[in-house]
Amino acid sequence: MRVSILLLLLLAGEACVQAQTPAGNPAPATSTQSQAAATKSDPALFASEADYSYSYPADWEVVDAKPMLPVERLKAEQSATSDVERKGASCVEIQLMIRHGDPKSVILVMYLDFKCVGVELKQSDLASAGMGMSKGLTKSFNIKEAKYGAYKLGSHTFWIERAEGSPTENPEKSYSLETTCSILKKGLVCWLGMAASPDAITALESGKVSLEGDPQSALVPASAFQLASK
């Protein structure tokens, strides 16, 4: 689905890079984010109105992505070649952005509402949509050693990509990049991680998710690449 490729090229990659710098502002507390953990070892919880939840370490900083969206959405709209793409530019959401460490590791949770964009993805579209999500980072990173997989959590199928990459402007630095996506009844949800350390990848993958009432489980199981596909 080309609309997701376009949107995430302009939104996800730029958001990850911008979140590394102080330009990203801490997000205000909301009723959907529980960050009052008793200790740093206790997870915080993000619960989306799209009927999924995700836990993450409480010492990760929540970043307000809203200031980043207007400019990137304008770029997406200007690059669009169809009404669906232009509509999609106004529908895609960065529902959660968190960062940690120095250099910064960043995790994004992105959501595309089918009703808003007027296009409903099928399971057969998952791999191409996931590839579109992961391509958001190629604008700012030199990607190498990419591998792909598929797995299930409860009733939901996930597509996943892992890769190593260096920022085009700082090739001496190395990051692990990971994208995993699933299709919900009402939209597409993807987790995108830019990890400067093994601990950051662990934080992304071990966060507990629950999609549409499925039991909670780690976002990425150890078996994620047993059903490898590209």
Protein backbone atom coordinates (compact mmCIF):
# COMPACT_ATOMS: atom_id res chain seq x y z
CA MET A 1 0.00 0.00 0.00
CA ARG A 2 1.89 3.07 -1.23
CA VAL A 3 0.17 5.49 1.11
CA SER A 4 1.86 3.96 4.15
CA ILE A 5 5.26 4.02 2.43
CA LEU A 6 4.88 7.70 1.67
CA LEU A 7 3.65 8.68 5.09
CA LEU A 8 6.23 6.85 7.08
CA LEU A 9 9.09 7.92 4.87
CA LEU A 10 8.20 11.47 5.79
CA LEU A 11 6.90 10.99 9.31
CA ALA A 12 8.55 8.08 11.07
CA GLY A 13 12.12 8.64 9.96
CA GLU A 14 12.03 12.37 10.65
CA ALA A 15 10.33 11.83 13.99
CA CYS A 16 12.99 9.36 15.14
CA VAL A 17 15.81 11.69 14.19
CA GLN A 18 14.15 14.75 15.72
CA ALA A 19 13.44 12.87 18.94
CA GLN A 20 17.20 12.45 19.46
CA THR A 21 17.58 16.17 20.05
CA PRO A 22 16.22 18.53 22.74
CA ALA A 23 13.83 19.92 20.10
CA GLY A 24 11.32 17.25 21.07
CA ASN A 25 9.30 18.39 24.08
CA PRO A 26 8.22 16.17 26.97
CA ALA A 27 4.58 15.20 26.52
CA PRO A 28 2.02 16.34 29.08
CA ALA A 29 0.48 13.63 31.22
CA THR A 30 -2.74 12.16 29.82
CA SER A 31 -5.38 9.77 31.05
CA THR A 32 -4.07 7.07 28.69
CA GLN A 33 -0.50 7.10 29.98
CA SER A 34 0.30 5.78 33.45
CA GLN A 35 3.73 7.00 34.41
CA ALA A 36 3.40 7.05 38.21
CA ALA A 37 5.45 3.88 38.64
CA ALA A 38 6.65 3.13 42.14
CA THR A 39 10.19 2.41 40.95
CA LYS A 40 12.07 2.62 37.68
CA SER A 41 11.70 -1.15 37.31
CA ASP A 42 7.92 -0.86 37.15
CA PRO A 43 6.55 -0.29 33.65
CA ALA A 44 4.45 2.62 32.48
CA LEU A 45 1.42 1.83 30.34
CA PHE A 46 0.09 3.42 27.17
CA ALA A 47 -3.51 2.47 26.37
CA SER A 48 -4.84 3.55 22.98
CA GLU A 49 -8.43 4.26 22.05
CA ALA A 50 -7.67 2.03 19.04
CA ASP A 51 -8.02 -0.93 21.46
CA TYR A 52 -4.44 -1.91 22.18
CA SER A 53 -1.99 -1.24 25.00
CA TYR A 54 1.79 -1.23 25.39
CA SER A 55 3.99 -1.10 28.49
CA TYR A 56 7.46 0.44 28.56
CA PRO A 57 10.12 1.31 31.17
CA ALA A 58 9.00 4.19 33.34
CA ASP A 59 12.38 5.92 33.09
CA TRP A 60 11.93 6.48 29.33
CA GLU A 61 10.91 10.06 28.51
CA VAL A 62 7.62 10.62 26.68
CA VAL A 63 8.06 13.14 23.85
CA ASP A 64 5.31 15.35 22.46
CA ALA A 65 5.23 14.52 18.73
CA LYS A 66 2.50 17.03 17.87
CA PRO A 67 4.87 19.93 17.03
CA MET A 68 6.62 17.70 14.47
CA LEU A 69 3.50 16.63 12.59
CA PRO A 70 2.28 19.74 10.73
CA VAL A 71 5.47 20.22 8.68
CA GLU A 72 5.90 16.53 7.90
CA ARG A 73 2.23 16.14 6.99
CA LEU A 74 2.54 19.11 4.63
CA LYS A 75 5.52 17.41 2.96
CA ALA A 76 3.49 14.21 2.62
CA GLU A 77 0.52 16.04 1.14
CA GLN A 78 2.75 17.86 -1.35
CA SER A 79 4.36 14.57 -2.40
CA ALA A 80 1.04 12.72 -2.69
CA THR A 81 -0.05 11.50 -6.10
CA SER A 82 -3.63 10.56 -5.21
CA ASP A 83 -6.51 11.64 -3.02
CA VAL A 84 -5.99 8.54 -0.86
CA GLU A 85 -2.41 9.57 -0.15
CA ARG A 86 -3.41 13.12 0.67
CA LYS A 87 -6.13 11.81 2.96
CA GLY A 88 -3.71 9.44 4.61
CA ALA A 89 -1.34 12.30 5.40
CA SER A 90 -3.99 13.80 7.65
CA CYS A 91 -4.91 10.46 9.25
CA VAL A 92 -1.65 8.85 10.36
CA GLU A 93 -0.88 9.34 14.06
CA ILE A 94 2.22 9.07 16.22
CA GLN A 95 0.38 7.78 19.26
CA LEU A 96 3.44 7.36 21.46
CA MET A 97 7.04 8.56 21.21
CA ILE A 98 9.55 7.75 23.94
CA ARG A 99 13.31 8.15 24.18
CA HIS A 100 16.13 7.22 26.55
CA GLY A 101 19.88 7.39 27.01
CA ASP A 102 22.72 9.32 25.39
CA PRO A 103 22.89 8.97 22.45
CA LYS A 104 19.11 8.78 22.40
CA SER A 105 17.25 5.59 21.64
CA VAL A 106 13.73 6.19 20.33
CA ILE A 107 10.56 4.09 20.16
CA LEU A 108 7.52 5.20 18.14
CA VAL A 109 4.05 3.68 18.07
CA MET A 110 2.21 4.73 14.90
CA TYR A 111 -1.39 4.15 13.92
CA LEU A 112 -3.31 4.54 10.67
CA ASP A 113 -7.10 4.58 11.06
CA PHE A 114 -8.84 2.80 8.18
CA LYS A 115 -12.06 4.77 8.48
CA CYS A 116 -10.20 8.06 8.39
CA VAL A 117 -8.12 7.21 5.33
CA GLY A 118 -10.94 5.40 3.52
CA VAL A 119 -8.85 2.27 2.86
CA GLU A 120 -9.04 -0.99 4.79
CA LEU A 121 -5.96 -3.22 4.79
CA LYS A 122 -6.21 -7.00 4.63
CA GLN A 123 -3.81 -9.51 6.14
CA SER A 124 -2.31 -9.98 2.69
CA ASP A 125 -1.29 -6.30 2.80
CA LEU A 126 0.61 -6.58 6.08
CA ALA A 127 4.08 -7.27 4.68
CA SER A 128 3.96 -4.44 2.15
CA ALA A 129 2.55 -2.04 4.74
CA GLY A 130 5.27 -3.06 7.20
CA MET A 131 7.94 -2.53 4.57
CA GLY A 132 6.51 0.93 4.06
CA MET A 133 6.81 1.63 7.76
CA SER A 134 10.44 0.49 7.93
CA LYS A 135 11.39 2.55 4.88
CA GLY A 136 10.74 5.64 6.96
CA LEU A 137 14.24 5.25 8.38
CA THR A 138 16.10 4.83 5.09
CA LYS A 139 15.85 8.56 4.46
CA SER A 140 18.17 9.28 7.38
CA PHE A 141 20.08 5.99 7.80
CA ASN A 142 22.34 3.76 5.74
CA ILE A 143 20.71 0.37 6.26
CA LYS A 144 22.52 -2.98 6.25
CA GLU A 145 22.01 -6.54 7.45
CA ALA A 146 18.22 -6.42 7.28
CA LYS A 147 16.26 -9.56 8.10
CA TYR A 148 12.54 -10.25 8.20
CA GLY A 149 10.12 -12.43 10.09
CA ALA A 150 6.51 -13.12 11.01
CA TYR A 151 4.85 -14.25 14.23
CA LYS A 152 1.53 -14.36 16.06
CA LEU A 153 0.43 -12.93 19.38
CA GLY A 154 -2.97 -14.28 20.30
CA SER A 155 -5.23 -13.80 17.28
CA HIS A 156 -2.98 -11.20 15.60
CA THR A 157 -0.24 -11.72 13.01
CA PHE A 158 2.85 -9.49 13.06
CA TRP A 159 5.42 -8.62 10.40
CA ILE A 160 8.88 -7.65 11.64
CA GLU A 161 12.15 -6.28 10.29
CA ARG A 162 15.49 -5.94 12.09
CA ALA A 163 18.46 -4.10 10.65
CA GLU A 164 21.66 -2.31 11.52
CA GLY A 165 22.12 1.26 10.37
CA SER A 166 24.30 4.35 10.62
CA PRO A 167 22.95 7.90 10.39
CA THR A 168 23.88 9.45 7.05
CA GLU A 169 25.18 12.53 8.87
CA ASN A 170 27.05 10.55 11.56
CA PRO A 171 28.26 7.34 9.88
CA GLU A 172 30.56 6.51 12.80
CA LYS A 173 27.51 5.79 14.99
CA SER A 174 25.60 2.52 14.81
CA TYR A 175 21.99 1.79 15.67
CA SER A 176 19.77 -1.27 15.68
CA LEU A 177 16.54 -0.54 13.85
CA GLU A 178 13.39 -2.58 14.32
CA THR A 179 9.85 -2.30 12.97
CA THR A 180 6.94 -4.58 13.77
CA CYS A 181 3.33 -4.13 12.61
CA SER A 182 -0.07 -5.74 12.96
CA ILE A 183 -3.52 -5.13 11.51
CA LEU A 184 -6.37 -4.39 13.90
CA LYS A 185 -10.05 -4.30 13.05
CA LYS A 186 -9.98 -0.52 12.73
CA GLY A 187 -6.44 0.28 11.70
CA LEU A 188 -2.77 -0.54 11.24
CA VAL A 189 -0.46 -0.27 14.27
CA CYS A 190 3.34 -0.34 14.12
CA TRP A 191 6.19 -0.12 16.62
CA LEU A 192 9.39 1.42 15.30
CA GLY A 193 12.58 1.40 17.32
CA MET A 194 15.92 3.14 16.82
CA ALA A 195 18.19 1.62 19.48
CA ALA A 196 21.62 2.90 20.43
CA SER A 197 22.17 0.01 22.85
CA PRO A 198 21.13 -3.63 23.37
CA ASP A 199 19.14 -2.52 26.43
CA ALA A 200 16.98 -0.31 24.21
CA ILE A 201 16.12 -3.21 21.89
CA THR A 202 15.24 -5.27 24.96
CA ALA A 203 12.99 -2.45 26.18
CA LEU A 204 11.15 -2.37 22.84
CA GLU A 205 10.72 -6.11 22.51
CA SER A 206 9.89 -6.97 26.11
CA GLY A 207 7.15 -4.36 26.49
CA LYS A 208 3.85 -6.10 27.13
CA VAL A 209 1.13 -5.62 24.50
CA SER A 210 -2.54 -6.52 24.37
CA LEU A 211 -4.39 -6.13 21.08
CA GLU A 212 -8.19 -6.09 21.02
CA GLY A 213 -8.59 -8.11 24.19
CA ASP A 214 -5.85 -10.69 23.55
CA PRO A 215 -3.85 -11.74 26.64
CA GLN A 216 -0.81 -9.61 27.41
CA SER A 217 2.48 -10.83 25.98
CA ALA A 218 5.90 -9.48 25.06
CA LEU A 219 5.79 -7.45 21.84
CA VAL A 220 8.46 -9.55 20.11
CA PRO A 221 8.85 -13.24 21.05
CA ALA A 222 12.12 -15.16 20.70
CA SER A 223 10.54 -17.11 17.84
CA ALA A 224 9.86 -14.00 15.72
CA PHE A 225 12.19 -15.04 12.90
CA GLN A 226 11.37 -18.74 12.75
CA LEU A 227 8.82 -17.99 10.04
CA ALA A 228 11.19 -15.73 8.11
CA SER A 229 9.78 -13.99 5.04
CA LYS A 230 10.80 -11.01 2.98
